[in-house]
Amino acid sequence: MRCAAGACLFAAAGAVGPAGHVTGIDLAASMLARAAATAARLGLAQVTVEPGDAEDPAYPDASFDAVLASNVMFLLADPGRAARRYADLLRPGGVLAFSWNVAEDPDWVPVIAAVDAYAADGGCGT
């Protein structure tokens, strides 16, 4: 959901191809402008960027086939709430995927293991 400068957004655009559609949101106008400019430069007409809150995206339930949250969950005040909201945004059979890049610090290993176990068990309400 949160697009920042668009790294995950552009990977998703490549995955869906020109017949699909990808929406990225961010609260920062500067990030939206960067992502939109890059999408235009790359000719990615299937990409839309909009202002939005990554913790509580303002879209109707069952709006998306996939929700991708790259390097944002650990920045949110209530990541559990966000994960539940993301699950609500999915159409039946949809996919929720999130990533982070903190595994290099050994202090994060138990946290990552706990989140992996929780998510694998369907703990975020899916």
C-alpha atoms as a PDB file:
ATOM      1  CA  MET A   1       0.000   0.000   0.000  1.00  0.00           C
ATOM      2  CA  ARG A   2       2.497   2.658   1.082  1.00  0.00           C
ATOM      3  CA  CYS A   3       4.426   3.406  -2.070  1.00  0.00           C
ATOM      4  CA  ALA A   4       7.201   5.767  -0.865  1.00  0.00           C
ATOM      5  CA  ALA A   5       9.396   6.283  -3.936  1.00  0.00           C
ATOM      6  CA  GLY A   6       7.929   3.174  -5.576  1.00  0.00           C
ATOM      7  CA  ALA A   7      10.355   0.228  -5.407  1.00  0.00           C
ATOM      8  CA  CYS A   8       7.638  -2.326  -4.578  1.00  0.00           C
ATOM      9  CA  LEU A   9       5.100  -0.442  -6.664  1.00  0.00           C
ATOM     10  CA  PHE A  10       7.147  -0.826  -9.832  1.00  0.00           C
ATOM     11  CA  ALA A  11       7.867  -4.502  -9.189  1.00  0.00           C
ATOM     12  CA  ALA A  12       4.109  -5.045  -8.802  1.00  0.00           C
ATOM     13  CA  ALA A  13       3.461  -3.110 -12.014  1.00  0.00           C
ATOM     14  CA  GLY A  14       5.859  -5.419 -13.816  1.00  0.00           C
ATOM     15  CA  ALA A  15       4.099  -8.454 -12.371  1.00  0.00           C
ATOM     16  CA  VAL A  16       0.595  -7.382 -13.437  1.00  0.00           C
ATOM     17  CA  GLY A  17       1.715  -6.046 -16.810  1.00  0.00           C
ATOM     18  CA  PRO A  18      -0.098  -3.458 -18.883  1.00  0.00           C
ATOM     19  CA  ALA A  19      -3.467  -5.232 -18.536  1.00  0.00           C
ATOM     20  CA  GLY A  20      -3.386  -5.019 -14.718  1.00  0.00           C
ATOM     21  CA  HIS A  21      -3.508  -2.105 -12.321  1.00  0.00           C
ATOM     22  CA  VAL A  22      -1.428  -1.111  -9.296  1.00  0.00           C
ATOM     23  CA  THR A  23      -2.321   1.571  -6.758  1.00  0.00           C
ATOM     24  CA  GLY A  24       0.243   3.034  -4.381  1.00  0.00           C
ATOM     25  CA  ILE A  25      -0.514   5.294  -1.441  1.00  0.00           C
ATOM     26  CA  ASP A  26       1.572   7.521   0.783  1.00  0.00           C
ATOM     27  CA  LEU A  27       0.951  10.433   3.133  1.00  0.00           C
ATOM     28  CA  ALA A  28       3.977  12.318   1.804  1.00  0.00           C
ATOM     29  CA  ALA A  29       3.269  14.408  -1.292  1.00  0.00           C
ATOM     30  CA  SER A  30       6.983  14.336  -2.159  1.00  0.00           C
ATOM     31  CA  MET A  31       6.989  10.514  -2.264  1.00  0.00           C
ATOM     32  CA  LEU A  32       3.857  10.477  -4.404  1.00  0.00           C
ATOM     33  CA  ALA A  33       5.433  12.955  -6.807  1.00  0.00           C
ATOM     34  CA  ARG A  34       8.620  10.865  -7.084  1.00  0.00           C
ATOM     35  CA  ALA A  35       6.671   7.645  -7.657  1.00  0.00           C
ATOM     36  CA  ALA A  36       4.381   9.274 -10.229  1.00  0.00           C
ATOM     37  CA  ALA A  37       7.322  10.802 -12.093  1.00  0.00           C
ATOM     38  CA  THR A  38       9.134   7.470 -12.209  1.00  0.00           C
ATOM     39  CA  ALA A  39       5.999   5.650 -13.374  1.00  0.00           C
ATOM     40  CA  ALA A  40       5.574   8.206 -16.164  1.00  0.00           C
ATOM     41  CA  ARG A  41       9.247   7.976 -17.144  1.00  0.00           C
ATOM     42  CA  LEU A  42       8.979   4.172 -17.293  1.00  0.00           C
ATOM     43  CA  GLY A  43       5.730   4.297 -19.263  1.00  0.00           C
ATOM     44  CA  LEU A  44       3.774   2.454 -16.563  1.00  0.00           C
ATOM     45  CA  ALA A  45       0.237   3.577 -17.359  1.00  0.00           C
ATOM     46  CA  GLN A  46      -1.110   0.824 -15.074  1.00  0.00           C
ATOM     47  CA  VAL A  47       0.239   2.649 -11.981  1.00  0.00           C
ATOM     48  CA  THR A  48      -1.794   5.114  -9.918  1.00  0.00           C
ATOM     49  CA  VAL A  49      -0.510   6.916  -6.831  1.00  0.00           C
ATOM     50  CA  GLU A  50      -2.832   8.566  -4.347  1.00  0.00           C
ATOM     51  CA  PRO A  51      -2.598  10.201  -0.935  1.00  0.00           C
ATOM     52  CA  GLY A  52      -3.480   7.689   1.747  1.00  0.00           C
ATOM     53  CA  ASP A  53      -2.755   6.341   5.204  1.00  0.00           C
ATOM     54  CA  ALA A  54      -0.905   3.009   5.173  1.00  0.00           C
ATOM     55  CA  GLU A  55      -2.374   2.091   8.563  1.00  0.00           C
ATOM     56  CA  ASP A  56      -5.984   2.620   7.458  1.00  0.00           C
ATOM     57  CA  PRO A  57      -6.332   2.783   3.662  1.00  0.00           C
ATOM     58  CA  ALA A  58      -9.610   4.420   2.646  1.00  0.00           C
ATOM     59  CA  TYR A  59     -10.821   1.900   0.088  1.00  0.00           C
ATOM     60  CA  PRO A  60     -13.918  -0.280   0.157  1.00  0.00           C
ATOM     61  CA  ASP A  61     -13.549  -3.825   1.422  1.00  0.00           C
ATOM     62  CA  ALA A  62     -12.720  -6.414  -1.248  1.00  0.00           C
ATOM     63  CA  SER A  63     -11.100  -3.822  -3.529  1.00  0.00           C
ATOM     64  CA  PHE A  64      -7.816  -5.594  -4.308  1.00  0.00           C
ATOM     65  CA  ASP A  65      -6.459  -8.949  -5.442  1.00  0.00           C
ATOM     66  CA  ALA A  66      -3.242  -8.323  -3.512  1.00  0.00           C
ATOM     67  CA  VAL A  67      -2.028  -5.931  -0.839  1.00  0.00           C
ATOM     68  CA  LEU A  68       1.732  -5.451  -0.628  1.00  0.00           C
ATOM     69  CA  ALA A  69       3.320  -3.706   2.344  1.00  0.00           C
ATOM     70  CA  SER A  70       7.026  -3.338   1.761  1.00  0.00           C
ATOM     71  CA  ASN A  71       9.133  -1.973   4.606  1.00  0.00           C
ATOM     72  CA  VAL A  72       6.231  -0.207   6.307  1.00  0.00           C
ATOM     73  CA  MET A  73       4.726  -2.476   8.980  1.00  0.00           C
ATOM     74  CA  PHE A  74       7.389  -1.682  11.566  1.00  0.00           C
ATOM     75  CA  LEU A  75       6.808   2.054  11.056  1.00  0.00           C
ATOM     76  CA  LEU A  76       3.112   1.960  11.916  1.00  0.00           C
ATOM     77  CA  ALA A  77       1.686   2.751  15.347  1.00  0.00           C
ATOM     78  CA  ASP A  78      -0.611  -0.302  15.206  1.00  0.00           C
ATOM     79  CA  PRO A  79       0.645  -2.849  12.660  1.00  0.00           C
ATOM     80  CA  GLY A  80      -1.948  -5.411  13.770  1.00  0.00           C
ATOM     81  CA  ARG A  81      -4.745  -2.996  12.916  1.00  0.00           C
ATOM     82  CA  ALA A  82      -3.118  -2.331   9.558  1.00  0.00           C
ATOM     83  CA  ALA A  83      -2.814  -6.064   8.793  1.00  0.00           C
ATOM     84  CA  ARG A  84      -6.489  -6.600   9.651  1.00  0.00           C
ATOM     85  CA  ARG A  85      -7.448  -3.669   7.418  1.00  0.00           C
ATOM     86  CA  TYR A  86      -5.314  -5.040   4.588  1.00  0.00           C
ATOM     87  CA  ALA A  87      -7.062  -8.412   4.929  1.00  0.00           C
ATOM     88  CA  ASP A  88     -10.439  -6.650   4.647  1.00  0.00           C
ATOM     89  CA  LEU A  89      -9.297  -4.956   1.442  1.00  0.00           C
ATOM     90  CA  LEU A  90      -8.681  -8.305  -0.255  1.00  0.00           C
ATOM     91  CA  ARG A  91     -11.091 -10.008  -2.603  1.00  0.00           C
ATOM     92  CA  PRO A  92     -11.743 -13.705  -1.876  1.00  0.00           C
ATOM     93  CA  GLY A  93      -8.539 -15.621  -2.560  1.00  0.00           C
ATOM     94  CA  GLY A  94      -6.455 -12.436  -2.393  1.00  0.00           C
ATOM     95  CA  VAL A  95      -2.877 -12.265  -1.169  1.00  0.00           C
ATOM     96  CA  LEU A  96      -1.402 -10.170   1.626  1.00  0.00           C
ATOM     97  CA  ALA A  97       2.377  -9.857   1.534  1.00  0.00           C
ATOM     98  CA  PHE A  98       4.688  -7.742   3.629  1.00  0.00           C
ATOM     99  CA  SER A  99       8.436  -7.434   3.911  1.00  0.00           C
ATOM    100  CA  TRP A 100      11.045  -5.692   5.975  1.00  0.00           C
ATOM    101  CA  ASN A 101      14.796  -5.448   5.850  1.00  0.00           C
ATOM    102  CA  VAL A 102      15.862  -5.758   9.476  1.00  0.00           C
ATOM    103  CA  ALA A 103      17.039  -9.401   9.432  1.00  0.00           C
ATOM    104  CA  GLU A 104      20.698  -8.365   9.328  1.00  0.00           C
ATOM    105  CA  ASP A 105      20.541  -7.305  13.003  1.00  0.00           C
ATOM    106  CA  PRO A 106      20.563 -10.452  15.186  1.00  0.00           C
ATOM    107  CA  ASP A 107      18.397  -8.688  17.780  1.00  0.00           C
ATOM    108  CA  TRP A 108      15.530  -8.827  15.283  1.00  0.00           C
ATOM    109  CA  VAL A 109      15.712 -12.608  14.681  1.00  0.00           C
ATOM    110  CA  PRO A 110      13.238 -13.526  17.476  1.00  0.00           C
ATOM    111  CA  VAL A 111      10.866 -10.746  16.425  1.00  0.00           C
ATOM    112  CA  ILE A 112      10.901 -11.892  12.809  1.00  0.00           C
ATOM    113  CA  ALA A 113      10.369 -15.510  13.887  1.00  0.00           C
ATOM    114  CA  ALA A 114       7.374 -14.504  16.024  1.00  0.00           C
ATOM    115  CA  VAL A 115       5.795 -12.485  13.202  1.00  0.00           C
ATOM    116  CA  ASP A 116       6.417 -15.310  10.721  1.00  0.00           C
ATOM    117  CA  ALA A 117       4.743 -17.816  13.060  1.00  0.00           C
ATOM    118  CA  TYR A 118       1.817 -15.471  13.703  1.00  0.00           C
ATOM    119  CA  ALA A 119       1.276 -14.731  10.012  1.00  0.00           C
ATOM    120  CA  ALA A 120       1.653 -18.382   8.976  1.00  0.00           C
ATOM    121  CA  ASP A 121      -1.033 -19.289  11.496  1.00  0.00           C
ATOM    122  CA  GLY A 122      -3.446 -16.791   9.957  1.00  0.00           C
ATOM    123  CA  GLY A 123      -3.082 -14.524  12.985  1.00  0.00           C
ATOM    124  CA  CYS A 124      -3.813 -11.273  11.156  1.00  0.00           C
ATOM    125  CA  GLY A 125      -7.430 -12.160  10.635  1.00  0.00           C
ATOM    126  CA  THR A 126      -7.260 -13.795   7.215  1.00  0.00           C
END
